[in-house]
C-alpha atoms as a PDB file:
ATOM      1  CA  MET A   1     205.870   8.259 117.190  1.00  0.00           C
ATOM      2  CA  PRO A   2     204.480   8.468 113.604  1.00  0.00           C
ATOM      3  CA  LEU A   3     202.184  11.400 112.830  1.00  0.00           C
ATOM      4  CA  THR A   4     198.566  10.455 112.273  1.00  0.00           C
ATOM      5  CA  ALA A   5     197.613  10.432 108.531  1.00  0.00           C
ATOM      6  CA  PRO A   6     195.194  13.395 107.865  1.00  0.00           C
ATOM      7  CA  LYS A   7     191.568  12.407 107.080  1.00  0.00           C
ATOM      8  CA  LEU A   8     190.561  12.504 103.534  1.00  0.00           C
ATOM      9  CA  PRO A   9     187.861  15.101 102.799  1.00  0.00           C
ATOM     10  CA  LEU A  10     184.247  13.844 103.421  1.00  0.00           C
ATOM     11  CA  ILE A  11     181.701  14.272 100.436  1.00  0.00           C
ATOM     12  CA  LEU A  12     178.019  13.581 100.682  1.00  0.00           C
ATOM     13  CA  LEU A  13     176.482  12.088  97.446  1.00  0.00           C
ATOM     14  CA  VAL A  14     172.764  12.399  97.032  1.00  0.00           C
ATOM     15  CA  ASP A  15     170.701  10.679  94.256  1.00  0.00           C
ATOM     16  CA  ASP A  16     167.639   8.536  94.192  1.00  0.00           C
ATOM     17  CA  GLU A  17     169.059   6.201  91.593  1.00  0.00           C
ATOM     18  CA  ALA A  18     171.445   3.572  93.022  1.00  0.00           C
ATOM     19  CA  SER A  19     173.278   3.330  89.751  1.00  0.00           C
ATOM     20  CA  ASN A  20     174.175   7.015  89.710  1.00  0.00           C
ATOM     21  CA  LEU A  21     175.485   6.696  93.352  1.00  0.00           C
ATOM     22  CA  GLN A  22     177.619   3.753  92.261  1.00  0.00           C
ATOM     23  CA  LEU A  23     179.132   5.721  89.372  1.00  0.00           C
ATOM     24  CA  LEU A  24     180.023   8.658  91.575  1.00  0.00           C
ATOM     25  CA  ARG A  25     181.283   6.208  94.131  1.00  0.00           C
ATOM     26  CA  HIS A  26     183.623   4.676  91.460  1.00  0.00           C
ATOM     27  CA  ILE A  27     184.949   8.126  90.354  1.00  0.00           C
ATOM     28  CA  LEU A  28     185.684   9.493  93.894  1.00  0.00           C
ATOM     29  CA  GLN A  29     186.242   6.665  96.254  1.00  0.00           C
ATOM     30  CA  ASP A  30     190.048   6.584  95.843  1.00  0.00           C
ATOM     31  CA  GLN A  31     190.552  10.202  97.014  1.00  0.00           C
ATOM     32  CA  TYR A  32     187.648  10.978  99.387  1.00  0.00           C
ATOM     33  CA  ARG A  33     185.631   9.617 102.148  1.00  0.00           C
ATOM     34  CA  LEU A  34     181.968   9.256 100.989  1.00  0.00           C
ATOM     35  CA  LEU A  35     178.554   9.350 102.463  1.00  0.00           C
ATOM     36  CA  PHE A  36     175.307   8.351 100.572  1.00  0.00           C
ATOM     37  CA  ALA A  37     171.711   9.453 100.623  1.00  0.00           C
ATOM     38  CA  LYS A  38     168.802   8.580  98.324  1.00  0.00           C
ATOM     39  CA  ASP A  39     166.485  11.408  99.248  1.00  0.00           C
ATOM     40  CA  GLY A  40     166.590  15.044 100.410  1.00  0.00           C
ATOM     41  CA  GLN A  41     165.376  14.372 104.008  1.00  0.00           C
ATOM     42  CA  ARG A  42     168.215  11.817 104.540  1.00  0.00           C
ATOM     43  CA  ALA A  43     170.612  14.278 102.979  1.00  0.00           C
ATOM     44  CA  LEU A  44     169.636  17.029 105.419  1.00  0.00           C
ATOM     45  CA  GLU A  45     170.215  14.553 108.411  1.00  0.00           C
ATOM     46  CA  LEU A  46     173.603  13.457 107.220  1.00  0.00           C
ATOM     47  CA  ALA A  47     174.679  17.058 106.436  1.00  0.00           C
ATOM     48  CA  ILE A  48     173.863  17.999 110.024  1.00  0.00           C
ATOM     49  CA  GLN A  49     175.384  14.986 111.716  1.00  0.00           C
ATOM     50  CA  GLU A  50     178.504  14.479 109.623  1.00  0.00           C
ATOM     51  CA  SER A  51     179.386  18.073 108.365  1.00  0.00           C
ATOM     52  CA  PRO A  52     180.643  17.024 104.954  1.00  0.00           C
ATOM     53  CA  GLN A  53     183.051  19.493 103.159  1.00  0.00           C
ATOM     54  CA  LEU A  54     181.093  19.070  99.936  1.00  0.00           C
ATOM     55  CA  ILE A  55     177.628  17.799  98.721  1.00  0.00           C
ATOM     56  CA  LEU A  56     176.970  16.493  95.274  1.00  0.00           C
ATOM     57  CA  LEU A  57     173.123  16.621  94.802  1.00  0.00           C
ATOM     58  CA  ASP A  58     170.717  15.253  92.339  1.00  0.00           C
ATOM     59  CA  VAL A  59     167.847  17.664  91.186  1.00  0.00           C
ATOM     60  CA  MET A  60     164.919  15.335  90.226  1.00  0.00           C
ATOM     61  CA  MET A  61     164.227  13.205  93.219  1.00  0.00           C
ATOM     62  CA  PRO A  62     160.725  11.942  94.572  1.00  0.00           C
ATOM     63  CA  GLY A  63     159.459  13.967  97.462  1.00  0.00           C
ATOM     64  CA  MET A  64     161.889  16.741  98.135  1.00  0.00           C
ATOM     65  CA  THR A  65     163.723  17.985  94.950  1.00  0.00           C
ATOM     66  CA  GLY A  66     167.238  18.839  95.013  1.00  0.00           C
ATOM     67  CA  TYR A  67     166.422  22.635  94.779  1.00  0.00           C
ATOM     68  CA  GLU A  68     164.240  22.421  97.830  1.00  0.00           C
ATOM     69  CA  THR A  69     166.885  20.356  99.696  1.00  0.00           C
ATOM     70  CA  CYS A  70     169.514  22.901  98.786  1.00  0.00           C
ATOM     71  CA  ARG A  71     167.464  25.788 100.049  1.00  0.00           C
ATOM     72  CA  LEU A  72     166.964  24.100 103.337  1.00  0.00           C
ATOM     73  CA  LEU A  73     170.738  23.554 103.607  1.00  0.00           C
ATOM     74  CA  LYS A  74     171.461  27.132 102.929  1.00  0.00           C
ATOM     75  CA  HIS A  75     168.730  28.291 105.487  1.00  0.00           C
ATOM     76  CA  ASP A  76     170.236  26.299 108.310  1.00  0.00           C
ATOM     77  CA  PRO A  77     173.394  27.883 109.962  1.00  0.00           C
ATOM     78  CA  ALA A  78     174.637  24.463 110.703  1.00  0.00           C
ATOM     79  CA  THR A  79     174.943  23.600 106.992  1.00  0.00           C
ATOM     80  CA  HIS A  80     174.872  27.071 105.394  1.00  0.00           C
ATOM     81  CA  ASP A  81     178.597  26.987 104.366  1.00  0.00           C
ATOM     82  CA  ILE A  82     178.706  23.497 102.938  1.00  0.00           C
ATOM     83  CA  PRO A  83     179.070  24.018  99.209  1.00  0.00           C
ATOM     84  CA  VAL A  84     176.680  22.112  96.917  1.00  0.00           C
ATOM     85  CA  ILE A  85     177.197  20.985  93.442  1.00  0.00           C
ATOM     86  CA  PHE A  86     173.989  19.953  91.408  1.00  0.00           C
ATOM     87  CA  VAL A  87     174.597  16.696  89.277  1.00  0.00           C
ATOM     88  CA  THR A  88     171.623  16.341  87.004  1.00  0.00           C
ATOM     89  CA  ALA A  89     170.311  15.724  83.617  1.00  0.00           C
ATOM     90  CA  LEU A  90     168.665  19.125  83.514  1.00  0.00           C
ATOM     91  CA  GLY A  91     171.013  21.121  81.301  1.00  0.00           C
ATOM     92  CA  ASP A  92     169.134  24.192  80.203  1.00  0.00           C
ATOM     93  CA  ALA A  93     170.459  27.587  81.149  1.00  0.00           C
ATOM     94  CA  THR A  94     167.261  28.236  83.051  1.00  0.00           C
ATOM     95  CA  ASP A  95     167.716  25.123  85.036  1.00  0.00           C
ATOM     96  CA  GLU A  96     171.257  26.331  85.987  1.00  0.00           C
ATOM     97  CA  VAL A  97     169.964  29.674  87.000  1.00  0.00           C
ATOM     98  CA  VAL A  98     167.408  28.081  89.462  1.00  0.00           C
ATOM     99  CA  GLY A  99     170.214  25.999  90.826  1.00  0.00           C
ATOM    100  CA  PHE A 100     172.418  28.916  91.468  1.00  0.00           C
ATOM    101  CA  GLU A 101     169.675  30.838  92.954  1.00  0.00           C
ATOM    102  CA  ALA A 102     168.995  27.966  95.349  1.00  0.00           C
ATOM    103  CA  GLY A 103     172.473  28.290  96.603  1.00  0.00           C
ATOM    104  CA  ALA A 104     174.605  25.877  94.598  1.00  0.00           C
ATOM    105  CA  VAL A 105     178.131  26.750  93.700  1.00  0.00           C
ATOM    106  CA  ASP A 106     178.420  24.642  90.473  1.00  0.00           C
ATOM    107  CA  TYR A 107     176.418  22.540  88.036  1.00  0.00           C
ATOM    108  CA  ILE A 108     177.461  19.127  86.460  1.00  0.00           C
ATOM    109  CA  THR A 109     175.173  17.665  83.773  1.00  0.00           C
ATOM    110  CA  LYS A 110     174.557  13.991  83.308  1.00  0.00           C
ATOM    111  CA  PRO A 111     175.792  11.764  81.868  1.00  0.00           C
ATOM    112  CA  VAL A 112     178.910  12.700  83.866  1.00  0.00           C
ATOM    113  CA  SER A 113     182.467  12.814  82.718  1.00  0.00           C
ATOM    114  CA  PRO A 114     184.768  11.473  85.492  1.00  0.00           C
ATOM    115  CA  PRO A 115     187.569  13.895  84.701  1.00  0.00           C
ATOM    116  CA  ILE A 116     185.163  16.686  85.064  1.00  0.00           C
ATOM    117  CA  VAL A 117     183.656  15.530  88.347  1.00  0.00           C
ATOM    118  CA  ARG A 118     187.040  15.029  89.832  1.00  0.00           C
ATOM    119  CA  ALA A 119     188.188  18.473  88.656  1.00  0.00           C
ATOM    120  CA  ARG A 120     185.063  20.275  89.902  1.00  0.00           C
ATOM    121  CA  VAL A 121     185.296  18.489  93.245  1.00  0.00           C
ATOM    122  CA  ARG A 122     188.904  19.291  93.639  1.00  0.00           C
ATOM    123  CA  THR A 123     188.465  22.974  92.772  1.00  0.00           C
ATOM    124  CA  HIS A 124     185.632  23.507  95.289  1.00  0.00           C
ATOM    125  CA  LEU A 125     187.497  21.751  98.061  1.00  0.00           C
ATOM    126  CA  THR A 126     190.473  23.904  97.411  1.00  0.00           C
ATOM    127  CA  LEU A 127     188.089  26.926  97.978  1.00  0.00           C
ATOM    128  CA  VAL A 128     186.756  25.342 101.261  1.00  0.00           C
ATOM    129  CA  ARG A 129     190.298  24.864 102.625  1.00  0.00           C
ATOM    130  CA  ALA A 130     191.073  28.536 101.555  1.00  0.00           C
ATOM    131  CA  ASP A 131     188.058  29.741 103.539  1.00  0.00           C
ATOM    132  CA  GLU A 132     188.973  27.582 106.545  1.00  0.00           C
ATOM    133  CA  LEU A 133     192.478  29.019 106.517  1.00  0.00           C
ATOM    134  CA  LYS A 134     191.184  32.547 106.273  1.00  0.00           C
ATOM    135  CA  ARG A 135     188.814  31.991 109.298  1.00  0.00           C
ATOM    136  CA  THR A 136     191.676  30.367 111.280  1.00  0.00           C
ATOM    137  CA  ARG A 137     194.103  33.195 110.491  1.00  0.00           C
ATOM    138  CA  LEU A 138     191.482  35.778 111.545  1.00  0.00           C
ATOM    139  CA  GLU A 139     190.839  33.916 114.855  1.00  0.00           C
ATOM    140  CA  ILE A 140     194.530  33.895 115.677  1.00  0.00           C
ATOM    141  CA  VAL A 141     194.761  37.559 114.983  1.00  0.00           C
ATOM    142  CA  GLN A 142     191.829  38.321 117.170  1.00  0.00           C
ATOM    143  CA  ARG A 143     193.142  36.121 120.020  1.00  0.00           C
ATOM    144  CA  LEU A 144     196.588  37.636 119.840  1.00  0.00           C
ATOM    145  CA  GLY A 145     194.904  41.084 120.174  1.00  0.00           C
ATOM    146  CA  LEU A 146     192.999  39.700 123.173  1.00  0.00           C
ATOM    147  CA  ALA A 147     196.364  38.617 124.776  1.00  0.00           C
ATOM    148  CA  ALA A 148     197.495  42.256 125.036  1.00  0.00           C
ATOM    149  CA  GLU A 149     194.358  43.271 126.929  1.00  0.00           C
ATOM    150  CA  TYR A 150     195.206  40.799 129.752  1.00  0.00           C
ATOM    151  CA  LYS A 151     198.335  42.909 130.280  1.00  0.00           C
ATOM    152  CA  ASP A 152     196.498  46.232 130.466  1.00  0.00           C
ATOM    153  CA  ASN A 153     193.625  47.894 132.266  1.00  0.00           C
ATOM    154  CA  GLU A 154     191.518  48.082 129.130  1.00  0.00           C
ATOM    155  CA  THR A 155     188.726  45.663 128.391  1.00  0.00           C
ATOM    156  CA  GLY A 156     187.781  43.515 125.411  1.00  0.00           C
ATOM    157  CA  LEU A 157     184.874  45.847 124.706  1.00  0.00           C
ATOM    158  CA  HIS A 158     187.314  48.678 124.089  1.00  0.00           C
ATOM    159  CA  VAL A 159     188.908  46.959 121.165  1.00  0.00           C
ATOM    160  CA  ILE A 160     185.492  45.985 119.819  1.00  0.00           C
ATOM    161  CA  ARG A 161     184.221  49.609 119.848  1.00  0.00           C
ATOM    162  CA  MET A 162     187.428  51.169 118.662  1.00  0.00           C
ATOM    163  CA  SER A 163     187.655  48.643 115.803  1.00  0.00           C
ATOM    164  CA  HIS A 164     184.097  49.396 114.746  1.00  0.00           C
ATOM    165  CA  TYR A 165     184.799  53.222 115.008  1.00  0.00           C
ATOM    166  CA  ALA A 166     187.801  52.717 112.710  1.00  0.00           C
ATOM    167  CA  ARG A 167     185.648  50.763 110.179  1.00  0.00           C
ATOM    168  CA  ILE A 168     183.053  53.473 110.043  1.00  0.00           C
ATOM    169  CA  LEU A 169     185.638  56.186 109.577  1.00  0.00           C
ATOM    170  CA  GLY A 170     187.387  54.026 106.852  1.00  0.00           C
ATOM    171  CA  LEU A 171     184.083  53.721 104.958  1.00  0.00           C
ATOM    172  CA  ALA A 172     183.289  57.361 105.286  1.00  0.00           C
ATOM    173  CA  LEU A 173     186.709  57.931 103.729  1.00  0.00           C
ATOM    174  CA  GLY A 174     185.888  55.890 100.699  1.00  0.00           C
ATOM    175  CA  MET A 175     187.335  52.506 101.655  1.00  0.00           C
ATOM    176  CA  SER A 176     185.811  49.477 100.012  1.00  0.00           C
ATOM    177  CA  GLU A 177     183.749  47.062 102.211  1.00  0.00           C
ATOM    178  CA  GLU A 178     186.654  44.557 101.906  1.00  0.00           C
ATOM    179  CA  GLU A 179     189.439  47.143 103.025  1.00  0.00           C
ATOM    180  CA  ALA A 180     187.186  48.365 105.901  1.00  0.00           C
ATOM    181  CA  ASP A 181     186.562  44.809 107.087  1.00  0.00           C
ATOM    182  CA  ASP A 182     190.255  44.280 106.995  1.00  0.00           C
ATOM    183  CA  LEU A 183     190.619  47.338 109.192  1.00  0.00           C
ATOM    184  CA  LEU A 184     187.975  46.182 111.578  1.00  0.00           C
ATOM    185  CA  HIS A 185     189.761  42.781 112.036  1.00  0.00           C
ATOM    186  CA  ALA A 186     193.376  44.247 112.113  1.00  0.00           C
ATOM    187  CA  ALA A 187     192.532  47.053 114.627  1.00  0.00           C
ATOM    188  CA  PRO A 188     192.509  44.791 117.722  1.00  0.00           C
ATOM    189  CA  MET A 189     196.163  44.156 117.013  1.00  0.00           C
ATOM    190  CA  HIS A 190     197.277  47.796 117.496  1.00  0.00           C
ATOM    191  CA  ASP A 191     198.485  47.412 121.045  1.00  0.00           C
ATOM    192  CA  VAL A 192     199.800  43.766 120.825  1.00  0.00           C
ATOM    193  CA  GLY A 193     203.289  45.078 121.661  1.00  0.00           C
ATOM    194  CA  LYS A 194     202.237  45.635 125.308  1.00  0.00           C
ATOM    195  CA  ILE A 195     202.890  41.973 125.716  1.00  0.00           C
ATOM    196  CA  GLY A 196     206.491  42.844 125.931  1.00  0.00           C
ATOM    197  CA  ILE A 197     206.154  45.674 128.463  1.00  0.00           C
ATOM    198  CA  PRO A 198     206.885  44.859 132.158  1.00  0.00           C
ATOM    199  CA  ASP A 199     203.787  44.736 134.452  1.00  0.00           C
ATOM    200  CA  SER A 200     205.495  47.219 136.781  1.00  0.00           C
ATOM    201  CA  ILE A 201     205.311  49.867 134.063  1.00  0.00           C
ATOM    202  CA  LEU A 202     202.096  48.820 132.298  1.00  0.00           C
ATOM    203  CA  GLN A 203     200.082  48.627 135.507  1.00  0.00           C
ATOM    204  CA  LYS A 204     201.738  51.441 137.407  1.00  0.00           C
ATOM    205  CA  PRO A 205     199.006  53.475 139.154  1.00  0.00           C
ATOM    206  CA  GLY A 206     200.781  56.752 139.006  1.00  0.00           C
ATOM    207  CA  PRO A 207     202.630  58.740 136.348  1.00  0.00           C
ATOM    208  CA  LEU A 208     205.653  57.230 134.598  1.00  0.00           C
ATOM    209  CA  ASP A 209     209.140  58.692 134.895  1.00  0.00           C
ATOM    210  CA  THR A 210     211.193  59.382 131.794  1.00  0.00           C
ATOM    211  CA  GLU A 211     212.774  56.078 131.696  1.00  0.00           C
ATOM    212  CA  GLU A 212     209.564  54.146 132.189  1.00  0.00           C
ATOM    213  CA  ARG A 213     207.885  56.247 129.493  1.00  0.00           C
ATOM    214  CA  LYS A 214     210.593  55.335 127.071  1.00  0.00           C
ATOM    215  CA  VAL A 215     210.025  51.680 127.815  1.00  0.00           C
ATOM    216  CA  MET A 216     206.185  52.028 127.410  1.00  0.00           C
ATOM    217  CA  GLN A 217     206.736  53.751 124.099  1.00  0.00           C
ATOM    218  CA  SER A 218     208.550  50.854 122.850  1.00  0.00           C
ATOM    219  CA  HIS A 219     205.348  48.796 122.653  1.00  0.00           C
ATOM    220  CA  ALA A 220     204.756  50.159 119.100  1.00  0.00           C
ATOM    221  CA  SER A 221     207.944  48.875 117.811  1.00  0.00           C
ATOM    222  CA  ILE A 222     207.546  45.574 119.679  1.00  0.00           C
ATOM    223  CA  GLY A 223     204.078  45.062 118.217  1.00  0.00           C
ATOM    224  CA  GLY A 224     205.481  45.536 114.729  1.00  0.00           C
ATOM    225  CA  ASP A 225     208.089  42.911 115.504  1.00  0.00           C
ATOM    226  CA  ILE A 226     205.420  40.446 116.804  1.00  0.00           C
ATOM    227  CA  ILE A 227     203.145  40.764 113.798  1.00  0.00           C
ATOM    228  CA  GLY A 228     206.110  40.947 111.250  1.00  0.00           C
ATOM    229  CA  ARG A 229     206.284  42.303 107.805  1.00  0.00           C
ATOM    230  CA  HIS A 230     203.923  41.040 105.101  1.00  0.00           C
ATOM    231  CA  GLU A 231     203.450  41.809 101.511  1.00  0.00           C
ATOM    232  CA  GLY A 232     199.770  42.504 101.709  1.00  0.00           C
ATOM    233  CA  GLY A 233     196.298  41.747 103.369  1.00  0.00           C
ATOM    234  CA  MET A 234     195.118  42.063 106.894  1.00  0.00           C
ATOM    235  CA  LEU A 235     198.482  41.203 108.613  1.00  0.00           C
ATOM    236  CA  ALA A 236     200.346  43.949 106.542  1.00  0.00           C
ATOM    237  CA  MET A 237     197.593  46.272 107.827  1.00  0.00           C
ATOM    238  CA  ALA A 238     197.978  45.139 111.328  1.00  0.00           C
ATOM    239  CA  HIS A 239     201.742  45.755 111.181  1.00  0.00           C
ATOM    240  CA  LEU A 240     201.109  49.229 109.997  1.00  0.00           C
ATOM    241  CA  LEU A 241     198.580  49.868 112.782  1.00  0.00           C
ATOM    242  CA  ALA A 242     200.995  48.577 115.515  1.00  0.00           C
ATOM    243  CA  VAL A 243     203.849  50.847 114.530  1.00  0.00           C
ATOM    244  CA  THR A 244     201.944  53.971 113.677  1.00  0.00           C
ATOM    245  CA  HIS A 245     198.930  54.447 115.802  1.00  0.00           C
ATOM    246  CA  HIS A 246     200.946  56.651 118.320  1.00  0.00           C
ATOM    247  CA  GLU A 247     202.524  58.919 115.589  1.00  0.00           C
ATOM    248  CA  LYS A 248     201.030  62.402 115.456  1.00  0.00           C
ATOM    249  CA  TRP A 249     200.059  64.484 112.422  1.00  0.00           C
ATOM    250  CA  ASP A 250     202.490  67.297 113.690  1.00  0.00           C
ATOM    251  CA  GLY A 251     205.361  64.859 113.966  1.00  0.00           C
ATOM    252  CA  SER A 252     205.521  64.880 117.847  1.00  0.00           C
ATOM    253  CA  GLY A 253     204.484  61.192 118.174  1.00  0.00           C
ATOM    254  CA  TYR A 254     206.369  57.936 118.448  1.00  0.00           C
ATOM    255  CA  PRO A 255     208.326  55.693 117.675  1.00  0.00           C
ATOM    256  CA  ASN A 256     209.666  57.336 114.537  1.00  0.00           C
ATOM    257  CA  GLY A 257     208.323  60.885 114.728  1.00  0.00           C
ATOM    258  CA  LEU A 258     206.515  60.609 111.486  1.00  0.00           C
ATOM    259  CA  LYS A 259     204.528  63.750 110.222  1.00  0.00           C
ATOM    260  CA  GLY A 260     201.387  64.182 108.156  1.00  0.00           C
ATOM    261  CA  GLU A 261     200.888  61.638 105.270  1.00  0.00           C
ATOM    262  CA  GLU A 262     204.218  59.952 106.225  1.00  0.00           C
ATOM    263  CA  ILE A 263     201.872  58.200 108.784  1.00  0.00           C
ATOM    264  CA  ALA A 264     200.064  55.207 107.383  1.00  0.00           C
ATOM    265  CA  LEU A 265     196.453  56.107 106.734  1.00  0.00           C
ATOM    266  CA  VAL A 266     195.195  53.235 108.848  1.00  0.00           C
ATOM    267  CA  GLY A 267     197.341  54.435 111.694  1.00  0.00           C
ATOM    268  CA  ARG A 268     195.865  57.847 111.343  1.00  0.00           C
ATOM    269  CA  ILE A 269     192.416  56.379 111.496  1.00  0.00           C
ATOM    270  CA  VAL A 270     192.975  54.115 114.470  1.00  0.00           C
ATOM    271  CA  ALA A 271     194.673  56.999 116.462  1.00  0.00           C
ATOM    272  CA  ILE A 272     191.313  58.851 116.453  1.00  0.00           C
ATOM    273  CA  ALA A 273     189.157  55.873 117.107  1.00  0.00           C
ATOM    274  CA  ASP A 274     191.433  54.645 119.877  1.00  0.00           C
ATOM    275  CA  VAL A 275     191.666  58.064 121.693  1.00  0.00           C
ATOM    276  CA  PHE A 276     187.937  58.775 121.323  1.00  0.00           C
ATOM    277  CA  ASP A 277     187.068  55.420 122.984  1.00  0.00           C
ATOM    278  CA  ALA A 278     189.677  55.892 125.774  1.00  0.00           C
ATOM    279  CA  LEU A 279     188.334  59.256 126.702  1.00  0.00           C
ATOM    280  CA  THR A 280     184.678  58.220 126.642  1.00  0.00           C
ATOM    281  CA  SER A 281     185.221  55.046 128.744  1.00  0.00           C
ATOM    282  CA  ALA A 282     185.668  54.790 132.461  1.00  0.00           C
ATOM    283  CA  ARG A 283     188.956  53.332 133.750  1.00  0.00           C
ATOM    284  CA  PRO A 284     190.151  52.516 137.343  1.00  0.00           C
ATOM    285  CA  TYR A 285     192.123  55.748 137.154  1.00  0.00           C
ATOM    286  CA  LYS A 286     189.576  58.093 135.605  1.00  0.00           C
ATOM    287  CA  GLN A 287     185.947  58.859 134.808  1.00  0.00           C
ATOM    288  CA  ALA A 288     184.509  58.547 131.394  1.00  0.00           C
ATOM    289  CA  TRP A 289     184.384  61.950 129.573  1.00  0.00           C
ATOM    290  CA  PRO A 290     181.082  63.111 128.179  1.00  0.00           C
ATOM    291  CA  VAL A 291     180.996  62.670 124.402  1.00  0.00           C
ATOM    292  CA  GLU A 292     180.833  66.503 123.894  1.00  0.00           C
ATOM    293  CA  GLN A 293     183.940  66.954 125.806  1.00  0.00           C
ATOM    294  CA  ALA A 294     185.756  64.166 123.774  1.00  0.00           C
ATOM    295  CA  VAL A 295     184.647  65.832 120.592  1.00  0.00           C
ATOM    296  CA  GLU A 296     185.995  69.157 121.753  1.00  0.00           C
ATOM    297  CA  TYR A 297     189.307  67.523 122.473  1.00  0.00           C
ATOM    298  CA  LEU A 298     189.433  65.875 119.066  1.00  0.00           C
ATOM    299  CA  GLN A 299     188.732  69.455 117.589  1.00  0.00           C
ATOM    300  CA  GLN A 300     191.436  70.896 119.732  1.00  0.00           C
ATOM    301  CA  GLN A 301     193.864  68.226 118.437  1.00  0.00           C
ATOM    302  CA  ARG A 302     192.919  68.760 114.782  1.00  0.00           C
ATOM    303  CA  GLY A 303     196.153  69.388 112.915  1.00  0.00           C
ATOM    304  CA  ARG A 304     198.244  68.454 115.948  1.00  0.00           C
ATOM    305  CA  HIS A 305     197.665  65.001 116.930  1.00  0.00           C
ATOM    306  CA  PHE A 306     195.060  64.055 114.255  1.00  0.00           C
ATOM    307  CA  GLU A 307     194.740  64.657 110.529  1.00  0.00           C
ATOM    308  CA  PRO A 308     192.137  67.502 110.059  1.00  0.00           C
ATOM    309  CA  ARG A 309     190.047  65.909 107.413  1.00  0.00           C
ATOM    310  CA  LEU A 310     189.730  62.709 109.552  1.00  0.00           C
ATOM    311  CA  VAL A 311     188.591  64.595 112.552  1.00  0.00           C
ATOM    312  CA  ASP A 312     185.924  66.275 110.569  1.00  0.00           C
ATOM    313  CA  LEU A 313     184.739  63.006 109.001  1.00  0.00           C
ATOM    314  CA  PHE A 314     184.802  61.205 112.426  1.00  0.00           C
ATOM    315  CA  ILE A 315     182.508  63.824 113.948  1.00  0.00           C
ATOM    316  CA  GLU A 316     180.243  63.673 110.960  1.00  0.00           C
ATOM    317  CA  GLN A 317     179.721  59.986 111.746  1.00  0.00           C
ATOM    318  CA  MET A 318     178.809  60.451 115.381  1.00  0.00           C
ATOM    319  CA  PRO A 319     175.296  58.946 115.204  1.00  0.00           C
ATOM    320  CA  ALA A 320     176.667  55.721 113.875  1.00  0.00           C
ATOM    321  CA  LEU A 321     179.523  55.798 116.485  1.00  0.00           C
ATOM    322  CA  LEU A 322     177.238  56.430 119.275  1.00  0.00           C
ATOM    323  CA  GLU A 323     175.127  53.306 118.256  1.00  0.00           C
ATOM    324  CA  ILE A 324     178.287  51.305 118.490  1.00  0.00           C
ATOM    325  CA  LYS A 325     179.021  52.851 121.784  1.00  0.00           C
ATOM    326  CA  GLN A 326     175.678  51.918 123.157  1.00  0.00           C
ATOM    327  CA  ARG A 327     175.660  48.371 121.686  1.00  0.00           C
ATOM    328  CA  TRP A 328     179.014  47.560 123.223  1.00  0.00           C
ATOM    329  CA  ALA A 329     178.610  49.486 126.503  1.00  0.00           C
ATOM    330  CA  GLU A 330     180.625  48.566 129.659  1.00  0.00           C
ATOM    331  CA  HIS A 331     178.516  47.111 132.390  1.00  0.00           C
ATOM    332  CA  SER A 332     179.556  47.077 135.996  1.00  0.00           C
END
């Protein structure tokens, strides 16, 4: 059976002059699907109904101007992410500033040049596809992390809390917002290797014997294999988390017995966040520890399980951590 041809990108063209719409139609019709509106109100309606990938918008229109239309588009969550390019005879720098402040991503002056219109449209649709790919990849990563939870006694709220704890600690350590957000999104993948552990071991109610413990510890390496190796970005961070979050500062952890700064920084961060949440959360096999007792444990493990400076920074962030704990509290 032949594959269905992919749909061409959908663009909304908005101008009160029919001749301008005809010109843009002539420039773009061979490469895109097109919608047309002659005023701001109709443009808003079509944007909500049809979800175009891009809007080319005139500024000087009777009734609602292009600036007002753009502001309303950006105010509505349903249309906020649709990029808007103003196509207008207003070419002063001050006009462009007003347009960008209204939320536009670009500014094309009339009379338009067909090659420039095509190039600007192509550029911004490429950015749209890149954003869609990033969102899709993030959702896949999150759902793969969720899959591991179905194999374990832990809850989805656990990975939410510990991921936010890790982000807070990363920021306190000096990470940029972008790095901390990558850590937030990668952290749920830390235990994905549990997918490869037999249920008889993963859900055993009593203590594991030596051989079972060895199998359980293999989840770190399995997780690294599932995620794979990547040159950079969030997936590279997720790989490091999977293989290092059970390493210990004193070298007594697994799977590779790494010591001190041999352990990836993100692994050291997630180790603290993961243990703190596990201690302060109720499980079928244990009661939740009071926060004070969990903090005392972290201090006892300072320089043994955990990097000392990270323990100190983590405890300093306790008010923010407790806000996360309250916001994502378990409910029976």
